[in-house]
Amino acid sequence: MPENDDLDPGANTQMWQAFVDRADPEPSRSSGMRVALVAAALVVLVIVVALAWLLFG
């Protein structure tokens, strides 16, 4: 049975580099998601502080 290295991204350097380059966009999306999460948390915090100030102020 012959081995088929065509589907193995580690078969040669060019295929491995193409595989790594395809995986690069992932961290930028997660950092954008992190910024959105922090912004949403800040908005929620401001709303809670404003409601507390109105109720107890």
N, C-alpha and C. Protein backbone atom coordinates (compact mmCIF):
# COMPACT_ATOMS: atom_id res chain seq x y z
N MET A 1 0.85 -1.17 0.00
CA MET A 1 0.00 0.00 0.00
C MET A 1 0.90 1.24 0.00
N PRO A 2 0.81 2.10 -1.01
CA PRO A 2 1.66 3.29 -1.06
C PRO A 2 1.18 4.36 -0.09
N GLU A 3 2.14 5.08 0.46
CA GLU A 3 1.79 6.17 1.37
C GLU A 3 1.43 7.40 0.55
N ASN A 4 0.41 8.11 0.98
CA ASN A 4 -0.04 9.30 0.28
C ASN A 4 0.30 10.51 1.14
N ASP A 5 1.37 11.23 0.78
CA ASP A 5 1.79 12.41 1.54
C ASP A 5 1.11 13.68 1.04
N ASP A 6 0.21 13.56 0.08
CA ASP A 6 -0.43 14.76 -0.48
C ASP A 6 -1.30 15.49 0.53
N LEU A 7 -1.86 14.81 1.49
CA LEU A 7 -2.75 15.43 2.45
C LEU A 7 -2.06 15.76 3.77
N ASP A 8 -0.81 15.45 3.89
CA ASP A 8 -0.07 15.69 5.13
C ASP A 8 0.57 17.08 5.08
N PRO A 9 0.10 18.05 5.93
CA PRO A 9 0.68 19.40 5.87
C PRO A 9 2.15 19.43 6.29
N GLY A 10 2.64 18.42 6.96
CA GLY A 10 4.03 18.38 7.35
C GLY A 10 4.91 17.64 6.36
N ALA A 11 4.36 17.30 5.19
CA ALA A 11 5.11 16.51 4.22
C ALA A 11 6.30 17.28 3.66
N ASN A 12 6.15 18.57 3.47
CA ASN A 12 7.29 19.37 3.03
C ASN A 12 7.16 20.78 3.59
N THR A 13 8.20 21.55 3.46
CA THR A 13 8.23 22.88 4.06
C THR A 13 7.19 23.81 3.46
N GLN A 14 6.99 23.75 2.16
CA GLN A 14 6.03 24.65 1.51
C GLN A 14 4.61 24.36 1.98
N MET A 15 4.26 23.10 2.08
CA MET A 15 2.92 22.76 2.55
C MET A 15 2.74 23.16 4.01
N TRP A 16 3.76 22.97 4.81
CA TRP A 16 3.68 23.35 6.22
C TRP A 16 3.53 24.86 6.35
N GLN A 17 4.27 25.63 5.57
CA GLN A 17 4.18 27.08 5.63
C GLN A 17 2.79 27.54 5.20
N ALA A 18 2.22 26.93 4.18
CA ALA A 18 0.86 27.27 3.76
C ALA A 18 -0.14 26.95 4.87
N PHE A 19 0.05 25.84 5.56
CA PHE A 19 -0.82 25.48 6.68
C PHE A 19 -0.72 26.50 7.80
N VAL A 20 0.49 26.92 8.14
CA VAL A 20 0.70 27.89 9.21
C VAL A 20 0.13 29.24 8.81
N ASP A 21 0.31 29.65 7.56
CA ASP A 21 -0.22 30.93 7.10
C ASP A 21 -1.74 30.96 7.14
N ARG A 22 -2.36 29.83 6.87
CA ARG A 22 -3.82 29.76 6.95
C ARG A 22 -4.30 29.91 8.38
N ALA A 23 -3.53 29.49 9.35
CA ALA A 23 -3.95 29.54 10.75
C ALA A 23 -3.70 30.90 11.38
N ASP A 24 -2.98 31.81 10.73
CA ASP A 24 -2.65 33.10 11.31
C ASP A 24 -3.84 34.01 11.61
N PRO A 25 -4.89 34.11 10.80
CA PRO A 25 -5.97 35.06 11.10
C PRO A 25 -6.71 34.79 12.40
N GLU A 26 -6.63 33.62 12.94
CA GLU A 26 -7.37 33.27 14.15
C GLU A 26 -7.08 34.18 15.36
N PRO A 27 -5.83 34.45 15.71
CA PRO A 27 -5.59 35.30 16.89
C PRO A 27 -6.15 36.70 16.77
N SER A 28 -6.19 37.28 15.59
CA SER A 28 -6.72 38.64 15.46
C SER A 28 -8.21 38.67 15.77
N ARG A 29 -8.94 37.63 15.41
CA ARG A 29 -10.36 37.60 15.74
C ARG A 29 -10.56 37.45 17.23
N SER A 30 -9.74 36.65 17.88
CA SER A 30 -9.93 36.46 19.32
C SER A 30 -9.57 37.72 20.08
N SER A 31 -8.58 38.49 19.61
CA SER A 31 -8.26 39.74 20.27
C SER A 31 -9.38 40.75 20.07
N GLY A 32 -10.01 40.75 18.91
CA GLY A 32 -11.18 41.61 18.67
C GLY A 32 -12.34 41.21 19.56
N MET A 33 -12.49 39.91 19.75
CA MET A 33 -13.55 39.42 20.62
C MET A 33 -13.28 39.83 22.06
N ARG A 34 -12.01 39.82 22.45
CA ARG A 34 -11.64 40.22 23.81
C ARG A 34 -11.96 41.70 24.03
N VAL A 35 -11.66 42.54 23.05
CA VAL A 35 -11.96 43.97 23.16
C VAL A 35 -13.46 44.18 23.28
N ALA A 36 -14.24 43.45 22.49
CA ALA A 36 -15.70 43.58 22.56
C ALA A 36 -16.23 43.13 23.92
N LEU A 37 -15.64 42.08 24.48
CA LEU A 37 -16.07 41.59 25.79
C LEU A 37 -15.76 42.61 26.88
N VAL A 38 -14.58 43.21 26.83
CA VAL A 38 -14.21 44.23 27.82
C VAL A 38 -15.12 45.44 27.68
N ALA A 39 -15.40 45.86 26.46
CA ALA A 39 -16.29 47.00 26.24
C ALA A 39 -17.69 46.71 26.77
N ALA A 40 -18.20 45.52 26.53
CA ALA A 40 -19.52 45.15 27.03
C ALA A 40 -19.53 45.13 28.56
N ALA A 41 -18.46 44.64 29.17
CA ALA A 41 -18.38 44.61 30.63
C ALA A 41 -18.37 46.03 31.19
N LEU A 42 -17.66 46.93 30.53
CA LEU A 42 -17.64 48.33 30.98
C LEU A 42 -19.02 48.98 30.87
N VAL A 43 -19.74 48.69 29.79
CA VAL A 43 -21.08 49.23 29.62
C VAL A 43 -22.00 48.72 30.71
N VAL A 44 -21.93 47.44 31.01
CA VAL A 44 -22.75 46.86 32.08
C VAL A 44 -22.39 47.50 33.42
N LEU A 45 -21.12 47.69 33.67
CA LEU A 45 -20.68 48.30 34.93
C LEU A 45 -21.21 49.73 35.05
N VAL A 46 -21.16 50.50 33.99
CA VAL A 46 -21.68 51.87 34.03
C VAL A 46 -23.18 51.87 34.29
N ILE A 47 -23.91 50.96 33.67
CA ILE A 47 -25.36 50.88 33.90
C ILE A 47 -25.66 50.51 35.34
N VAL A 48 -24.93 49.56 35.90
CA VAL A 48 -25.17 49.15 37.29
C VAL A 48 -24.85 50.29 38.25
N VAL A 49 -23.77 51.00 38.00
CA VAL A 49 -23.40 52.13 38.86
C VAL A 49 -24.46 53.24 38.75
N ALA A 50 -24.94 53.51 37.54
CA ALA A 50 -25.97 54.53 37.36
C ALA A 50 -27.26 54.14 38.07
N LEU A 51 -27.66 52.90 37.97
CA LEU A 51 -28.88 52.45 38.66
C LEU A 51 -28.71 52.52 40.17
N ALA A 52 -27.55 52.12 40.67
CA ALA A 52 -27.31 52.20 42.11
C ALA A 52 -27.33 53.65 42.57
N TRP A 53 -26.77 54.55 41.79
CA TRP A 53 -26.75 55.96 42.16
C TRP A 53 -28.17 56.53 42.20
N LEU A 54 -29.00 56.11 41.22
CA LEU A 54 -30.38 56.59 41.20
C LEU A 54 -31.21 56.03 42.36
N LEU A 55 -30.99 54.77 42.69
CA LEU A 55 -31.78 54.15 43.76
C LEU A 55 -31.35 54.60 45.15
N PHE A 56 -30.05 54.76 45.37
CA PHE A 56 -29.56 55.07 46.69
C PHE A 56 -29.14 56.54 46.84
N GLY A 57 -29.17 57.30 45.77
CA GLY A 57 -28.67 58.66 45.81
C GLY A 57 -29.67 59.65 46.17
